[in-house]
Amino acid sequence: MPRSQETIDLLLTRRSAKALTMVEPGPDAAELQTILRIGTRVPDHGKLAPWRFVVFQGAARRAFGAILSAVYAKVQPNAGDDQIEFEANRFTRAPTVVAVISRVTPGIKIPEWEQLLSAGAVCQNMLVAATALGYGAQWLTEWYAFDPEIGRALGLKENERVAGFIYLGSEGAEKDERPRPELSEIVSVWSGKAK
């Protein structure tokens, strides 16, 4: 494999965009296929493909927003109209939203933890792919990733859960760099002796 300084530079500078500031255009059909395909190029012990995708584009974003706002109004009965409207518009912030669904196969030799980590790696690969294609991307969960009624609306099975919602679109605002941990604070070298 040849060295790629461009890839290294992308990984050293990648930063999530904010869904709240995304604008059109989003990835076209071919670019979205590329992002999804790159998403699947992750470690997958046992070749289980322990993930799947649900794509929201066009009018489907507003239709799902109607579900989000109705469920939010039930779970937050004191929510104001502005909060309900915020939830209704949640998926319209970005041109494309992809739900990454983790699907664990229990009772096999592949640990469930590894299957869950694979779904997380899918989300990260999608962020990197979108950035490489010139788009902004943000990985969010928030309340709706964990709500059982939203899970039913997504068609989640008993062994499935939302790993994240990946928002994809053009960047409508500059991204600020945020502090990153110093390697000296998070890296240790094992001494060869048990503690």
C-alpha atoms as a PDB file:
ATOM      1  CA  MET A   1       0.000   0.000   0.000  1.00  0.00           C
ATOM      2  CA  PRO A   2       1.543   3.347  -0.948  1.00  0.00           C
ATOM      3  CA  ARG A   3       1.928   6.062   1.659  1.00  0.00           C
ATOM      4  CA  SER A   4      -0.658   8.839   1.437  1.00  0.00           C
ATOM      5  CA  GLN A   5       0.193  12.104   3.144  1.00  0.00           C
ATOM      6  CA  GLU A   6      -3.180  13.452   1.972  1.00  0.00           C
ATOM      7  CA  THR A   7      -4.951  10.751   4.009  1.00  0.00           C
ATOM      8  CA  ILE A   8      -2.770  11.446   7.046  1.00  0.00           C
ATOM      9  CA  ASP A   9      -3.483  15.178   6.774  1.00  0.00           C
ATOM     10  CA  LEU A  10      -7.235  14.521   6.501  1.00  0.00           C
ATOM     11  CA  LEU A  11      -7.187  12.315   9.602  1.00  0.00           C
ATOM     12  CA  LEU A  12      -5.103  14.835  11.561  1.00  0.00           C
ATOM     13  CA  THR A  13      -7.470  17.700  10.741  1.00  0.00           C
ATOM     14  CA  ARG A  14     -10.906  16.042  10.466  1.00  0.00           C
ATOM     15  CA  ARG A  15     -13.497  17.842  12.536  1.00  0.00           C
ATOM     16  CA  SER A  16     -17.225  17.255  12.775  1.00  0.00           C
ATOM     17  CA  ALA A  17     -19.481  19.878  11.260  1.00  0.00           C
ATOM     18  CA  LYS A  18     -22.585  20.927  13.166  1.00  0.00           C
ATOM     19  CA  ALA A  19     -25.871  19.608  11.790  1.00  0.00           C
ATOM     20  CA  LEU A  20     -27.459  22.924  12.791  1.00  0.00           C
ATOM     21  CA  THR A  21     -25.305  24.781  10.255  1.00  0.00           C
ATOM     22  CA  MET A  22     -25.417  22.326   7.348  1.00  0.00           C
ATOM     23  CA  VAL A  23     -26.837  23.438   4.024  1.00  0.00           C
ATOM     24  CA  GLU A  24     -27.561  22.015   0.571  1.00  0.00           C
ATOM     25  CA  PRO A  25     -26.200  20.313  -1.359  1.00  0.00           C
ATOM     26  CA  GLY A  26     -25.674  16.992   0.291  1.00  0.00           C
ATOM     27  CA  PRO A  27     -24.012  14.003  -1.289  1.00  0.00           C
ATOM     28  CA  ASP A  28     -25.546  12.892  -4.567  1.00  0.00           C
ATOM     29  CA  ALA A  29     -26.622   9.257  -5.052  1.00  0.00           C
ATOM     30  CA  ALA A  30     -23.184   8.070  -6.188  1.00  0.00           C
ATOM     31  CA  GLU A  31     -21.395   9.927  -3.374  1.00  0.00           C
ATOM     32  CA  LEU A  32     -23.796   8.519  -0.791  1.00  0.00           C
ATOM     33  CA  GLN A  33     -23.155   5.015  -2.111  1.00  0.00           C
ATOM     34  CA  THR A  34     -19.431   5.677  -1.743  1.00  0.00           C
ATOM     35  CA  ILE A  35     -19.891   6.896   1.849  1.00  0.00           C
ATOM     36  CA  LEU A  36     -21.980   3.840   2.722  1.00  0.00           C
ATOM     37  CA  ARG A  37     -19.550   1.467   1.008  1.00  0.00           C
ATOM     38  CA  ILE A  38     -16.622   3.022   2.880  1.00  0.00           C
ATOM     39  CA  GLY A  39     -18.694   2.716   6.044  1.00  0.00           C
ATOM     40  CA  THR A  40     -18.707  -1.046   5.633  1.00  0.00           C
ATOM     41  CA  ARG A  41     -14.912  -1.283   5.219  1.00  0.00           C
ATOM     42  CA  VAL A  42     -14.336  -1.821   8.927  1.00  0.00           C
ATOM     43  CA  PRO A  43     -13.060  -4.659  11.093  1.00  0.00           C
ATOM     44  CA  ASP A  44     -15.840  -7.245  11.243  1.00  0.00           C
ATOM     45  CA  HIS A  45     -14.805 -10.348  13.169  1.00  0.00           C
ATOM     46  CA  GLY A  46     -16.706 -13.309  11.734  1.00  0.00           C
ATOM     47  CA  LYS A  47     -17.910 -11.361   8.672  1.00  0.00           C
ATOM     48  CA  LEU A  48     -21.250 -10.760  10.400  1.00  0.00           C
ATOM     49  CA  ALA A  49     -21.974  -7.276   9.020  1.00  0.00           C
ATOM     50  CA  PRO A  50     -23.364  -6.359  12.458  1.00  0.00           C
ATOM     51  CA  TRP A  51     -24.879  -3.116  11.178  1.00  0.00           C
ATOM     52  CA  ARG A  52     -27.310  -1.772   8.611  1.00  0.00           C
ATOM     53  CA  PHE A  53     -28.410   1.657   7.356  1.00  0.00           C
ATOM     54  CA  VAL A  54     -31.639   3.647   7.158  1.00  0.00           C
ATOM     55  CA  VAL A  55     -31.343   6.685   4.860  1.00  0.00           C
ATOM     56  CA  PHE A  56     -33.473   9.826   5.216  1.00  0.00           C
ATOM     57  CA  GLN A  57     -33.600  12.275   2.311  1.00  0.00           C
ATOM     58  CA  GLY A  58     -36.106  14.667   0.798  1.00  0.00           C
ATOM     59  CA  ALA A  59     -39.635  14.582   2.225  1.00  0.00           C
ATOM     60  CA  ALA A  60     -38.814  11.529   4.359  1.00  0.00           C
ATOM     61  CA  ARG A  61     -36.860  13.827   6.696  1.00  0.00           C
ATOM     62  CA  ARG A  62     -39.937  15.926   7.485  1.00  0.00           C
ATOM     63  CA  ALA A  63     -42.159  12.821   7.742  1.00  0.00           C
ATOM     64  CA  PHE A  64     -39.791  11.322  10.309  1.00  0.00           C
ATOM     65  CA  GLY A  65     -39.685  14.705  12.046  1.00  0.00           C
ATOM     66  CA  ALA A  66     -43.450  14.446  12.559  1.00  0.00           C
ATOM     67  CA  ILE A  67     -42.844  11.167  14.399  1.00  0.00           C
ATOM     68  CA  LEU A  68     -40.012  12.688  16.421  1.00  0.00           C
ATOM     69  CA  SER A  69     -42.096  15.678  17.501  1.00  0.00           C
ATOM     70  CA  ALA A  70     -45.126  13.538  18.414  1.00  0.00           C
ATOM     71  CA  VAL A  71     -43.013  11.186  20.539  1.00  0.00           C
ATOM     72  CA  TYR A  72     -41.151  14.092  22.124  1.00  0.00           C
ATOM     73  CA  ALA A  73     -44.448  15.747  23.071  1.00  0.00           C
ATOM     74  CA  LYS A  74     -45.467  12.517  24.845  1.00  0.00           C
ATOM     75  CA  VAL A  75     -42.216  12.012  26.746  1.00  0.00           C
ATOM     76  CA  GLN A  76     -41.862  15.733  27.541  1.00  0.00           C
ATOM     77  CA  PRO A  77     -45.450  16.834  28.266  1.00  0.00           C
ATOM     78  CA  ASN A  78     -44.269  20.259  29.485  1.00  0.00           C
ATOM     79  CA  ALA A  79     -42.359  20.991  26.263  1.00  0.00           C
ATOM     80  CA  GLY A  80     -43.215  24.279  24.604  1.00  0.00           C
ATOM     81  CA  ASP A  81     -44.260  24.719  21.006  1.00  0.00           C
ATOM     82  CA  ASP A  82     -40.753  25.874  20.085  1.00  0.00           C
ATOM     83  CA  GLN A  83     -39.243  22.652  21.454  1.00  0.00           C
ATOM     84  CA  ILE A  84     -41.805  20.529  19.601  1.00  0.00           C
ATOM     85  CA  GLU A  85     -41.053  22.433  16.392  1.00  0.00           C
ATOM     86  CA  PHE A  86     -37.311  21.953  16.983  1.00  0.00           C
ATOM     87  CA  GLU A  87     -37.830  18.172  17.047  1.00  0.00           C
ATOM     88  CA  ALA A  88     -40.078  18.291  13.969  1.00  0.00           C
ATOM     89  CA  ASN A  89     -37.267  19.969  12.028  1.00  0.00           C
ATOM     90  CA  ARG A  90     -34.438  17.842  13.420  1.00  0.00           C
ATOM     91  CA  PHE A  91     -33.819  15.787  10.262  1.00  0.00           C
ATOM     92  CA  THR A  92     -34.309  18.731   7.901  1.00  0.00           C
ATOM     93  CA  ARG A  93     -31.110  20.351   9.196  1.00  0.00           C
ATOM     94  CA  ALA A  94     -28.994  18.288   6.837  1.00  0.00           C
ATOM     95  CA  PRO A  95     -29.743  17.175   3.270  1.00  0.00           C
ATOM     96  CA  THR A  96     -29.115  13.534   4.226  1.00  0.00           C
ATOM     97  CA  VAL A  97     -29.318  11.686   7.527  1.00  0.00           C
ATOM     98  CA  VAL A  98     -28.226   8.060   7.840  1.00  0.00           C
ATOM     99  CA  ALA A  99     -29.207   5.976  10.837  1.00  0.00           C
ATOM    100  CA  VAL A 100     -26.495   3.402  11.512  1.00  0.00           C
ATOM    101  CA  ILE A 101     -28.165   0.441  13.175  1.00  0.00           C
ATOM    102  CA  SER A 102     -26.048  -1.925  15.239  1.00  0.00           C
ATOM    103  CA  ARG A 103     -27.344  -5.492  15.053  1.00  0.00           C
ATOM    104  CA  VAL A 104     -25.778  -7.923  17.481  1.00  0.00           C
ATOM    105  CA  THR A 105     -25.882 -11.669  16.972  1.00  0.00           C
ATOM    106  CA  PRO A 106     -25.964 -13.064  20.522  1.00  0.00           C
ATOM    107  CA  GLY A 107     -24.768 -16.479  21.635  1.00  0.00           C
ATOM    108  CA  ILE A 108     -21.949 -16.879  19.120  1.00  0.00           C
ATOM    109  CA  LYS A 109     -18.175 -16.961  19.563  1.00  0.00           C
ATOM    110  CA  ILE A 110     -17.823 -13.356  18.356  1.00  0.00           C
ATOM    111  CA  PRO A 111     -18.147 -11.180  21.489  1.00  0.00           C
ATOM    112  CA  GLU A 112     -21.066  -8.757  21.443  1.00  0.00           C
ATOM    113  CA  TRP A 113     -18.633  -5.987  22.397  1.00  0.00           C
ATOM    114  CA  GLU A 114     -16.695  -6.511  19.158  1.00  0.00           C
ATOM    115  CA  GLN A 115     -19.915  -6.367  17.146  1.00  0.00           C
ATOM    116  CA  LEU A 116     -20.872  -3.066  18.806  1.00  0.00           C
ATOM    117  CA  LEU A 117     -17.403  -1.625  18.222  1.00  0.00           C
ATOM    118  CA  SER A 118     -17.683  -2.553  14.548  1.00  0.00           C
ATOM    119  CA  ALA A 119     -20.843  -0.407  14.265  1.00  0.00           C
ATOM    120  CA  GLY A 120     -18.969   2.486  15.878  1.00  0.00           C
ATOM    121  CA  ALA A 121     -16.187   2.046  13.346  1.00  0.00           C
ATOM    122  CA  VAL A 122     -18.799   2.242  10.561  1.00  0.00           C
ATOM    123  CA  CYS A 123     -19.885   5.649  11.881  1.00  0.00           C
ATOM    124  CA  GLN A 124     -16.308   6.917  11.998  1.00  0.00           C
ATOM    125  CA  ASN A 125     -15.526   5.661   8.497  1.00  0.00           C
ATOM    126  CA  MET A 126     -18.603   7.472   7.196  1.00  0.00           C
ATOM    127  CA  LEU A 127     -17.448  10.736   8.809  1.00  0.00           C
ATOM    128  CA  VAL A 128     -14.015  10.402   7.226  1.00  0.00           C
ATOM    129  CA  ALA A 129     -15.479   9.480   3.826  1.00  0.00           C
ATOM    130  CA  ALA A 130     -17.843  12.458   3.843  1.00  0.00           C
ATOM    131  CA  THR A 131     -14.982  14.779   4.788  1.00  0.00           C
ATOM    132  CA  ALA A 132     -12.803  13.362   2.003  1.00  0.00           C
ATOM    133  CA  LEU A 133     -15.642  14.085  -0.458  1.00  0.00           C
ATOM    134  CA  GLY A 134     -15.822  17.692   0.754  1.00  0.00           C
ATOM    135  CA  TYR A 135     -18.951  17.447   2.917  1.00  0.00           C
ATOM    136  CA  GLY A 136     -19.612  18.220   6.526  1.00  0.00           C
ATOM    137  CA  ALA A 137     -20.664  15.328   8.728  1.00  0.00           C
ATOM    138  CA  GLN A 138     -21.780  14.899  12.318  1.00  0.00           C
ATOM    139  CA  TRP A 139     -22.441  11.732  14.319  1.00  0.00           C
ATOM    140  CA  LEU A 140     -25.273  12.274  16.808  1.00  0.00           C
ATOM    141  CA  THR A 141     -27.361  10.119  19.094  1.00  0.00           C
ATOM    142  CA  GLU A 142     -29.345  12.232  21.571  1.00  0.00           C
ATOM    143  CA  TRP A 143     -32.672  11.149  23.072  1.00  0.00           C
ATOM    144  CA  TYR A 144     -34.231   9.763  19.896  1.00  0.00           C
ATOM    145  CA  ALA A 145     -31.506   7.141  19.467  1.00  0.00           C
ATOM    146  CA  PHE A 146     -32.608   5.511  22.712  1.00  0.00           C
ATOM    147  CA  ASP A 147     -36.381   5.953  22.661  1.00  0.00           C
ATOM    148  CA  PRO A 148     -38.306   2.663  22.222  1.00  0.00           C
ATOM    149  CA  GLU A 149     -41.101   4.241  20.163  1.00  0.00           C
ATOM    150  CA  ILE A 150     -38.583   5.788  17.771  1.00  0.00           C
ATOM    151  CA  GLY A 151     -36.912   2.376  17.606  1.00  0.00           C
ATOM    152  CA  ARG A 152     -40.220   0.857  16.526  1.00  0.00           C
ATOM    153  CA  ALA A 153     -40.633   3.579  13.883  1.00  0.00           C
ATOM    154  CA  LEU A 154     -37.176   2.624  12.567  1.00  0.00           C
ATOM    155  CA  GLY A 155     -38.153  -1.054  12.516  1.00  0.00           C
ATOM    156  CA  LEU A 156     -35.544  -2.078  15.078  1.00  0.00           C
ATOM    157  CA  LYS A 157     -35.540  -5.730  16.020  1.00  0.00           C
ATOM    158  CA  GLU A 158     -34.825  -7.010  19.527  1.00  0.00           C
ATOM    159  CA  ASN A 159     -31.086  -7.356  18.810  1.00  0.00           C
ATOM    160  CA  GLU A 160     -30.763  -3.899  17.225  1.00  0.00           C
ATOM    161  CA  ARG A 161     -30.055  -0.408  18.496  1.00  0.00           C
ATOM    162  CA  VAL A 162     -29.081   2.912  16.979  1.00  0.00           C
ATOM    163  CA  ALA A 163     -25.303   3.366  16.892  1.00  0.00           C
ATOM    164  CA  GLY A 164     -25.756   6.889  15.613  1.00  0.00           C
ATOM    165  CA  PHE A 165     -27.373   9.252  13.179  1.00  0.00           C
ATOM    166  CA  ILE A 166     -24.880  10.561  10.621  1.00  0.00           C
ATOM    167  CA  TYR A 167     -25.865  13.997   9.321  1.00  0.00           C
ATOM    168  CA  LEU A 168     -24.387  14.827   5.907  1.00  0.00           C
ATOM    169  CA  GLY A 169     -24.387  18.109   4.014  1.00  0.00           C
ATOM    170  CA  SER A 170     -22.385  21.079   2.887  1.00  0.00           C
ATOM    171  CA  GLU A 171     -20.828  23.157   5.617  1.00  0.00           C
ATOM    172  CA  GLY A 172     -22.651  26.418   6.213  1.00  0.00           C
ATOM    173  CA  ALA A 173     -20.244  27.733   8.862  1.00  0.00           C
ATOM    174  CA  GLU A 174     -16.563  27.584   9.696  1.00  0.00           C
ATOM    175  CA  LYS A 175     -15.559  24.842  12.114  1.00  0.00           C
ATOM    176  CA  ASP A 176     -13.604  25.776  15.206  1.00  0.00           C
ATOM    177  CA  GLU A 177     -10.822  23.507  16.304  1.00  0.00           C
ATOM    178  CA  ARG A 178     -11.378  22.084  19.750  1.00  0.00           C
ATOM    179  CA  PRO A 179      -8.737  21.084  22.270  1.00  0.00           C
ATOM    180  CA  ARG A 180      -7.450  17.551  21.883  1.00  0.00           C
ATOM    181  CA  PRO A 181      -5.783  15.564  24.666  1.00  0.00           C
ATOM    182  CA  GLU A 182      -2.026  15.661  24.896  1.00  0.00           C
ATOM    183  CA  LEU A 183      -0.634  12.227  24.106  1.00  0.00           C
ATOM    184  CA  SER A 184       1.512  12.449  27.249  1.00  0.00           C
ATOM    185  CA  GLU A 185      -1.727  12.504  29.267  1.00  0.00           C
ATOM    186  CA  ILE A 186      -3.319   9.444  27.679  1.00  0.00           C
ATOM    187  CA  VAL A 187      -0.454   7.177  26.551  1.00  0.00           C
ATOM    188  CA  SER A 188       1.507   4.844  28.780  1.00  0.00           C
ATOM    189  CA  VAL A 189       4.036   2.164  27.924  1.00  0.00           C
ATOM    190  CA  TRP A 190       3.615  -1.112  29.712  1.00  0.00           C
ATOM    191  CA  SER A 191       6.662  -1.901  31.814  1.00  0.00           C
ATOM    192  CA  GLY A 192       6.515  -5.654  31.311  1.00  0.00           C
ATOM    193  CA  LYS A 193       5.351  -6.234  34.885  1.00  0.00           C
ATOM    194  CA  ALA A 194       1.830  -6.657  36.213  1.00  0.00           C
ATOM    195  CA  LYS A 195       0.793  -3.899  38.591  1.00  0.00           C
END
